[in-house]
Amino acid sequence: MNVLNALQARHSTRVFRSEPIPRDTVLSIVGAALLSPSWTNTQPWEVFVAGGEPLERLRSAYLDRFHAGVAPTPDIPGVTDWPSALQQRAVELMTARSALLGLDLKRPDDKKAFGLPNYRFFGAPLVVFLGMHSNLTGWPLYDLGSFSMALMLAAQQYGVSSVPAFSLSVYPDLIRTELEVPEEVAVALGIALGYPDEEATLNSFRSTRRPFDDVVRLRGL
């Protein structure tokens, strides 16, 4: 698969089969992502890969907190004040995804049902957690984004699907304990990896993209 094909094929998978990814495949995917560029070659990423029993313990602990209504405590807070156009796109996405499942996010039970798969890690057999030194802000997050995209494109090469999700990193204390993450490392995000459940309705969903002319300003071309 070439890079353009991988970019076109990649989408967020939200229902995975339990089938594990071979260890050699995992090492190849993560190894490819390590080639990502960074500011003055600082390579700020710290990578913690969880599968098997450690991931199942994390999954169980996340679900316990979700059902108990424990508030998220992410090391890197999510955005709460989006510009209106961006907020509108987020609303449209959530509305379309929930409608596909027959859920109404204005109803508390439906809203909880909609969020539950996130705390199950979408059933994925593997999650890659990315972190960086807690003193870092700004540009190193861009570098983590570069690493994340490289990881997901490399996964496509091996027939492995992915979804990056803020929800995977909302209880960093659990991640820190289970995966022995050093205290000075802030857990930034998680990327679930695995093989898609082709029968799952949600996996048929595709988000839209802004039109080229709405995004790109060309001069001198």
C-alpha atoms as a PDB file:
ATOM      1  CA  MET A   1       0.000   0.000   0.000  1.00  0.00           C
ATOM      2  CA  ASN A   2       1.433   3.393  -0.946  1.00  0.00           C
ATOM      3  CA  VAL A   3       1.094   6.485   1.211  1.00  0.00           C
ATOM      4  CA  LEU A   4      -1.793   8.005  -0.766  1.00  0.00           C
ATOM      5  CA  ASN A   5      -3.744   4.756  -0.590  1.00  0.00           C
ATOM      6  CA  ALA A   6      -3.143   4.576   3.151  1.00  0.00           C
ATOM      7  CA  LEU A   7      -4.345   8.161   3.620  1.00  0.00           C
ATOM      8  CA  GLN A   8      -7.490   7.440   1.630  1.00  0.00           C
ATOM      9  CA  ALA A   9      -8.187   4.128   3.366  1.00  0.00           C
ATOM     10  CA  ARG A  10      -7.573   5.208   6.945  1.00  0.00           C
ATOM     11  CA  HIS A  11     -10.613   6.037   9.038  1.00  0.00           C
ATOM     12  CA  SER A  12     -11.504   5.748  12.689  1.00  0.00           C
ATOM     13  CA  THR A  13     -12.625   2.235  13.587  1.00  0.00           C
ATOM     14  CA  ARG A  14     -14.797   2.119  16.688  1.00  0.00           C
ATOM     15  CA  VAL A  15     -15.632  -1.586  16.914  1.00  0.00           C
ATOM     16  CA  PHE A  16     -12.742  -4.050  16.891  1.00  0.00           C
ATOM     17  CA  ARG A  17     -12.538  -7.818  16.913  1.00  0.00           C
ATOM     18  CA  SER A  18     -10.731  -9.356  19.879  1.00  0.00           C
ATOM     19  CA  GLU A  19      -8.179 -11.035  17.593  1.00  0.00           C
ATOM     20  CA  PRO A  20      -4.694 -10.032  18.775  1.00  0.00           C
ATOM     21  CA  ILE A  21      -2.175  -8.331  16.509  1.00  0.00           C
ATOM     22  CA  PRO A  22       0.997 -10.419  16.057  1.00  0.00           C
ATOM     23  CA  ARG A  23       3.873  -9.069  18.135  1.00  0.00           C
ATOM     24  CA  ASP A  24       6.161  -8.684  15.108  1.00  0.00           C
ATOM     25  CA  THR A  25       3.484  -6.585  13.392  1.00  0.00           C
ATOM     26  CA  VAL A  26       3.167  -4.343  16.444  1.00  0.00           C
ATOM     27  CA  LEU A  27       6.932  -3.848  16.560  1.00  0.00           C
ATOM     28  CA  SER A  28       7.013  -2.985  12.851  1.00  0.00           C
ATOM     29  CA  ILE A  29       4.193  -0.449  13.180  1.00  0.00           C
ATOM     30  CA  VAL A  30       5.693   1.312  16.184  1.00  0.00           C
ATOM     31  CA  GLY A  31       9.177   1.120  14.701  1.00  0.00           C
ATOM     32  CA  ALA A  32       7.988   2.883  11.556  1.00  0.00           C
ATOM     33  CA  ALA A  33       6.411   5.672  13.616  1.00  0.00           C
ATOM     34  CA  LEU A  34       9.740   6.245  15.356  1.00  0.00           C
ATOM     35  CA  LEU A  35      10.990   7.681  12.049  1.00  0.00           C
ATOM     36  CA  SER A  36       8.701  10.703  12.531  1.00  0.00           C
ATOM     37  CA  PRO A  37      10.250  14.195  12.397  1.00  0.00           C
ATOM     38  CA  SER A  38      10.430  16.456  15.441  1.00  0.00           C
ATOM     39  CA  TRP A  39      11.667  19.903  16.479  1.00  0.00           C
ATOM     40  CA  THR A  40      15.495  19.813  16.300  1.00  0.00           C
ATOM     41  CA  ASN A  41      15.270  16.019  16.528  1.00  0.00           C
ATOM     42  CA  THR A  42      14.091  16.222  20.143  1.00  0.00           C
ATOM     43  CA  GLN A  43      11.849  13.161  19.666  1.00  0.00           C
ATOM     44  CA  PRO A  44       9.680  14.086  22.665  1.00  0.00           C
ATOM     45  CA  TRP A  45       7.427  11.040  22.468  1.00  0.00           C
ATOM     46  CA  GLU A  46       7.315   8.363  25.123  1.00  0.00           C
ATOM     47  CA  VAL A  47       5.433   5.267  23.980  1.00  0.00           C
ATOM     48  CA  PHE A  48       3.601   2.724  26.129  1.00  0.00           C
ATOM     49  CA  VAL A  49       2.036  -0.237  24.337  1.00  0.00           C
ATOM     50  CA  ALA A  50      -0.618  -2.243  26.181  1.00  0.00           C
ATOM     51  CA  GLY A  51      -2.162  -5.555  25.203  1.00  0.00           C
ATOM     52  CA  GLY A  52      -3.113  -8.826  26.864  1.00  0.00           C
ATOM     53  CA  GLU A  53      -3.700  -8.857  30.623  1.00  0.00           C
ATOM     54  CA  PRO A  54      -2.379  -5.331  31.326  1.00  0.00           C
ATOM     55  CA  LEU A  55      -4.835  -3.878  28.817  1.00  0.00           C
ATOM     56  CA  GLU A  56      -7.702  -5.962  30.190  1.00  0.00           C
ATOM     57  CA  ARG A  57      -6.997  -4.669  33.694  1.00  0.00           C
ATOM     58  CA  LEU A  58      -6.981  -1.104  32.376  1.00  0.00           C
ATOM     59  CA  ARG A  59     -10.189  -1.690  30.441  1.00  0.00           C
ATOM     60  CA  SER A  60     -11.909  -3.054  33.543  1.00  0.00           C
ATOM     61  CA  ALA A  61     -10.701  -0.157  35.694  1.00  0.00           C
ATOM     62  CA  TYR A  62     -11.866   2.393  33.113  1.00  0.00           C
ATOM     63  CA  LEU A  63     -15.309   0.800  32.948  1.00  0.00           C
ATOM     64  CA  ASP A  64     -15.589   0.798  36.737  1.00  0.00           C
ATOM     65  CA  ARG A  65     -14.916   4.535  36.827  1.00  0.00           C
ATOM     66  CA  PHE A  66     -17.248   5.224  33.906  1.00  0.00           C
ATOM     67  CA  HIS A  67     -20.158   3.406  35.544  1.00  0.00           C
ATOM     68  CA  ALA A  68     -19.395   5.103  38.864  1.00  0.00           C
ATOM     69  CA  GLY A  69     -19.502   8.507  37.179  1.00  0.00           C
ATOM     70  CA  VAL A  70     -15.912   9.375  38.102  1.00  0.00           C
ATOM     71  CA  ALA A  71     -14.911  12.625  36.385  1.00  0.00           C
ATOM     72  CA  PRO A  72     -11.998  12.446  33.916  1.00  0.00           C
ATOM     73  CA  THR A  73      -8.673  13.865  35.096  1.00  0.00           C
ATOM     74  CA  PRO A  74      -6.523  14.025  31.941  1.00  0.00           C
ATOM     75  CA  ASP A  75      -2.924  15.202  32.138  1.00  0.00           C
ATOM     76  CA  ILE A  76      -3.588  17.372  29.080  1.00  0.00           C
ATOM     77  CA  PRO A  77      -7.098  18.864  29.235  1.00  0.00           C
ATOM     78  CA  GLY A  78      -9.430  18.740  26.280  1.00  0.00           C
ATOM     79  CA  VAL A  79     -10.594  21.875  24.487  1.00  0.00           C
ATOM     80  CA  THR A  80     -13.707  23.435  26.031  1.00  0.00           C
ATOM     81  CA  ASP A  81     -14.022  26.634  23.980  1.00  0.00           C
ATOM     82  CA  TRP A  82     -13.923  25.841  20.272  1.00  0.00           C
ATOM     83  CA  PRO A  83     -14.451  28.584  17.667  1.00  0.00           C
ATOM     84  CA  SER A  84     -18.052  28.377  16.466  1.00  0.00           C
ATOM     85  CA  ALA A  85     -17.321  26.824  13.057  1.00  0.00           C
ATOM     86  CA  LEU A  86     -15.230  24.072  14.631  1.00  0.00           C
ATOM     87  CA  GLN A  87     -17.830  23.455  17.322  1.00  0.00           C
ATOM     88  CA  GLN A  88     -20.491  23.116  14.632  1.00  0.00           C
ATOM     89  CA  ARG A  89     -18.495  20.415  12.856  1.00  0.00           C
ATOM     90  CA  ALA A  90     -18.125  18.529  16.132  1.00  0.00           C
ATOM     91  CA  VAL A  91     -21.869  18.737  16.779  1.00  0.00           C
ATOM     92  CA  GLU A  92     -22.632  17.510  13.266  1.00  0.00           C
ATOM     93  CA  LEU A  93     -20.277  14.564  13.722  1.00  0.00           C
ATOM     94  CA  MET A  94     -21.751  13.504  17.057  1.00  0.00           C
ATOM     95  CA  THR A  95     -25.301  13.898  15.774  1.00  0.00           C
ATOM     96  CA  ALA A  96     -24.639  11.783  12.689  1.00  0.00           C
ATOM     97  CA  ARG A  97     -22.858   9.022  14.608  1.00  0.00           C
ATOM     98  CA  SER A  98     -25.507   8.819  17.306  1.00  0.00           C
ATOM     99  CA  ALA A  99     -28.312   8.801  14.718  1.00  0.00           C
ATOM    100  CA  LEU A 100     -26.671   5.847  12.970  1.00  0.00           C
ATOM    101  CA  LEU A 101     -26.994   3.950  16.253  1.00  0.00           C
ATOM    102  CA  GLY A 102     -30.538   5.156  16.908  1.00  0.00           C
ATOM    103  CA  LEU A 103     -29.452   7.218  19.911  1.00  0.00           C
ATOM    104  CA  ASP A 104     -30.571  10.677  21.015  1.00  0.00           C
ATOM    105  CA  LEU A 105     -27.787  12.464  22.892  1.00  0.00           C
ATOM    106  CA  LYS A 106     -30.334  14.664  24.648  1.00  0.00           C
ATOM    107  CA  ARG A 107     -31.461  11.598  26.600  1.00  0.00           C
ATOM    108  CA  PRO A 108     -29.126  10.703  29.503  1.00  0.00           C
ATOM    109  CA  ASP A 109     -29.325   6.936  28.981  1.00  0.00           C
ATOM    110  CA  ASP A 110     -28.591   7.279  25.270  1.00  0.00           C
ATOM    111  CA  LYS A 111     -25.711   9.640  25.963  1.00  0.00           C
ATOM    112  CA  LYS A 112     -24.210   7.109  28.368  1.00  0.00           C
ATOM    113  CA  ALA A 113     -24.667   4.279  25.863  1.00  0.00           C
ATOM    114  CA  PHE A 114     -22.972   6.415  23.220  1.00  0.00           C
ATOM    115  CA  GLY A 115     -19.928   7.038  25.420  1.00  0.00           C
ATOM    116  CA  LEU A 116     -19.572   3.521  26.824  1.00  0.00           C
ATOM    117  CA  PRO A 117     -17.565   2.000  23.913  1.00  0.00           C
ATOM    118  CA  ASN A 118     -14.859   4.625  24.415  1.00  0.00           C
ATOM    119  CA  TYR A 119     -14.215   3.337  27.924  1.00  0.00           C
ATOM    120  CA  ARG A 120     -14.127  -0.221  26.629  1.00  0.00           C
ATOM    121  CA  PHE A 121     -11.322   0.974  24.349  1.00  0.00           C
ATOM    122  CA  PHE A 122     -13.661   0.056  21.472  1.00  0.00           C
ATOM    123  CA  GLY A 123     -12.909  -3.612  22.154  1.00  0.00           C
ATOM    124  CA  ALA A 124      -9.415  -3.178  20.705  1.00  0.00           C
ATOM    125  CA  PRO A 125      -6.766  -5.793  21.544  1.00  0.00           C
ATOM    126  CA  LEU A 126      -4.030  -3.155  21.701  1.00  0.00           C
ATOM    127  CA  VAL A 127      -3.718   0.470  22.768  1.00  0.00           C
ATOM    128  CA  VAL A 128      -0.675   2.672  22.209  1.00  0.00           C
ATOM    129  CA  PHE A 129      -0.461   5.460  24.784  1.00  0.00           C
ATOM    130  CA  LEU A 130       1.675   8.469  23.911  1.00  0.00           C
ATOM    131  CA  GLY A 131       3.228  10.817  26.424  1.00  0.00           C
ATOM    132  CA  MET A 132       5.843  13.526  26.764  1.00  0.00           C
ATOM    133  CA  HIS A 133       7.633  15.285  29.601  1.00  0.00           C
ATOM    134  CA  SER A 134       5.111  17.214  31.674  1.00  0.00           C
ATOM    135  CA  ASN A 135       7.131  20.446  31.339  1.00  0.00           C
ATOM    136  CA  LEU A 136       6.572  20.499  27.587  1.00  0.00           C
ATOM    137  CA  THR A 137       3.796  22.448  25.897  1.00  0.00           C
ATOM    138  CA  GLY A 138       3.056  23.763  22.426  1.00  0.00           C
ATOM    139  CA  TRP A 139       5.229  22.456  19.630  1.00  0.00           C
ATOM    140  CA  PRO A 140       6.026  19.011  21.095  1.00  0.00           C
ATOM    141  CA  LEU A 141       2.295  18.256  20.914  1.00  0.00           C
ATOM    142  CA  TYR A 142       2.558  18.820  17.168  1.00  0.00           C
ATOM    143  CA  ASP A 143       5.416  16.305  17.149  1.00  0.00           C
ATOM    144  CA  LEU A 144       3.192  13.794  18.957  1.00  0.00           C
ATOM    145  CA  GLY A 145       0.569  14.413  16.294  1.00  0.00           C
ATOM    146  CA  SER A 146       3.141  13.668  13.612  1.00  0.00           C
ATOM    147  CA  PHE A 147       4.067  10.454  15.414  1.00  0.00           C
ATOM    148  CA  SER A 148       0.392   9.508  15.755  1.00  0.00           C
ATOM    149  CA  MET A 149      -0.339   9.876  12.054  1.00  0.00           C
ATOM    150  CA  ALA A 150       2.786   7.921  11.130  1.00  0.00           C
ATOM    151  CA  LEU A 151       1.690   5.152  13.487  1.00  0.00           C
ATOM    152  CA  MET A 152      -1.802   4.960  11.985  1.00  0.00           C
ATOM    153  CA  LEU A 153      -0.540   5.007   8.398  1.00  0.00           C
ATOM    154  CA  ALA A 154       1.986   2.286   9.204  1.00  0.00           C
ATOM    155  CA  ALA A 155      -0.847   0.273  10.746  1.00  0.00           C
ATOM    156  CA  GLN A 156      -2.785   0.554   7.467  1.00  0.00           C
ATOM    157  CA  GLN A 157       0.178  -1.007   5.680  1.00  0.00           C
ATOM    158  CA  TYR A 158      -0.275  -4.108   7.843  1.00  0.00           C
ATOM    159  CA  GLY A 159      -4.063  -4.232   7.555  1.00  0.00           C
ATOM    160  CA  VAL A 160      -4.504  -2.920  11.095  1.00  0.00           C
ATOM    161  CA  SER A 161      -7.196  -0.329  11.798  1.00  0.00           C
ATOM    162  CA  SER A 162      -6.986   2.466  14.340  1.00  0.00           C
ATOM    163  CA  VAL A 163      -8.743   5.206  16.238  1.00  0.00           C
ATOM    164  CA  PRO A 164      -7.036   8.015  18.183  1.00  0.00           C
ATOM    165  CA  ALA A 165      -9.156   9.074  21.134  1.00  0.00           C
ATOM    166  CA  PHE A 166      -8.976  11.565  23.973  1.00  0.00           C
ATOM    167  CA  SER A 167     -11.125   9.228  26.082  1.00  0.00           C
ATOM    168  CA  LEU A 168      -8.343   6.643  26.183  1.00  0.00           C
ATOM    169  CA  SER A 169      -6.168   8.960  28.266  1.00  0.00           C
ATOM    170  CA  VAL A 170      -8.690  10.479  30.686  1.00  0.00           C
ATOM    171  CA  TYR A 171      -7.566   8.434  33.717  1.00  0.00           C
ATOM    172  CA  PRO A 172      -3.783   8.799  33.525  1.00  0.00           C
ATOM    173  CA  ASP A 173      -3.301   7.586  37.084  1.00  0.00           C
ATOM    174  CA  LEU A 174      -4.563   4.155  36.045  1.00  0.00           C
ATOM    175  CA  ILE A 175      -2.290   4.138  32.999  1.00  0.00           C
ATOM    176  CA  ARG A 176       0.652   5.333  35.074  1.00  0.00           C
ATOM    177  CA  THR A 177       0.195   2.518  37.586  1.00  0.00           C
ATOM    178  CA  GLU A 178      -0.489  -0.317  35.150  1.00  0.00           C
ATOM    179  CA  LEU A 179       2.142   0.589  32.551  1.00  0.00           C
ATOM    180  CA  GLU A 180       4.769   2.051  34.904  1.00  0.00           C
ATOM    181  CA  VAL A 181       4.675   5.475  33.299  1.00  0.00           C
ATOM    182  CA  PRO A 182       7.165   7.798  35.063  1.00  0.00           C
ATOM    183  CA  GLU A 183       5.613  10.614  37.086  1.00  0.00           C
ATOM    184  CA  GLU A 184       7.337  13.258  34.954  1.00  0.00           C
ATOM    185  CA  VAL A 185       5.618  11.969  31.796  1.00  0.00           C
ATOM    186  CA  ALA A 186       2.231  13.442  30.890  1.00  0.00           C
ATOM    187  CA  VAL A 187      -0.072  10.985  29.137  1.00  0.00           C
ATOM    188  CA  ALA A 188      -1.288  12.832  26.041  1.00  0.00           C
ATOM    189  CA  LEU A 189      -3.511  10.398  24.163  1.00  0.00           C
ATOM    190  CA  GLY A 190      -4.206   6.814  23.261  1.00  0.00           C
ATOM    191  CA  ILE A 191      -4.537   5.111  19.887  1.00  0.00           C
ATOM    192  CA  ALA A 192      -6.514   1.880  19.749  1.00  0.00           C
ATOM    193  CA  LEU A 193      -5.315  -0.661  17.178  1.00  0.00           C
ATOM    194  CA  GLY A 194      -6.847  -3.869  15.902  1.00  0.00           C
ATOM    195  CA  TYR A 195      -8.861  -5.578  13.205  1.00  0.00           C
ATOM    196  CA  PRO A 196     -12.293  -4.100  12.462  1.00  0.00           C
ATOM    197  CA  ASP A 197     -15.572  -5.875  13.084  1.00  0.00           C
ATOM    198  CA  GLU A 198     -16.942  -5.673   9.553  1.00  0.00           C
ATOM    199  CA  GLU A 199     -20.466  -6.461  10.765  1.00  0.00           C
ATOM    200  CA  ALA A 200     -20.637  -3.503  13.156  1.00  0.00           C
ATOM    201  CA  THR A 201     -22.938  -0.722  11.962  1.00  0.00           C
ATOM    202  CA  LEU A 202     -20.736   1.989  13.445  1.00  0.00           C
ATOM    203  CA  ASN A 203     -17.768   0.928  11.335  1.00  0.00           C
ATOM    204  CA  SER A 204     -19.662   1.974   8.214  1.00  0.00           C
ATOM    205  CA  PHE A 205     -19.601   5.595   9.377  1.00  0.00           C
ATOM    206  CA  ARG A 206     -17.348   8.043   7.561  1.00  0.00           C
ATOM    207  CA  SER A 207     -16.843  11.639   8.639  1.00  0.00           C
ATOM    208  CA  THR A 208     -16.750  14.413   6.065  1.00  0.00           C
ATOM    209  CA  ARG A 209     -13.882  16.745   5.171  1.00  0.00           C
ATOM    210  CA  ARG A 210     -13.931  20.462   4.451  1.00  0.00           C
ATOM    211  CA  PRO A 211     -13.836  21.317   0.731  1.00  0.00           C
ATOM    212  CA  PHE A 212     -10.361  22.023  -0.651  1.00  0.00           C
ATOM    213  CA  ASP A 213     -11.226  25.615  -1.579  1.00  0.00           C
ATOM    214  CA  ASP A 214     -12.564  26.262   1.922  1.00  0.00           C
ATOM    215  CA  VAL A 215      -9.229  25.321   3.464  1.00  0.00           C
ATOM    216  CA  VAL A 216      -6.411  26.067   1.038  1.00  0.00           C
ATOM    217  CA  ARG A 217      -5.292  29.543  -0.093  1.00  0.00           C
ATOM    218  CA  LEU A 218      -3.090  29.445  -3.181  1.00  0.00           C
ATOM    219  CA  ARG A 219      -0.857  32.280  -4.347  1.00  0.00           C
ATOM    220  CA  GLY A 220       1.592  32.280  -7.237  1.00  0.00           C
ATOM    221  CA  LEU A 221       0.436  28.908  -8.584  1.00  0.00           C
END
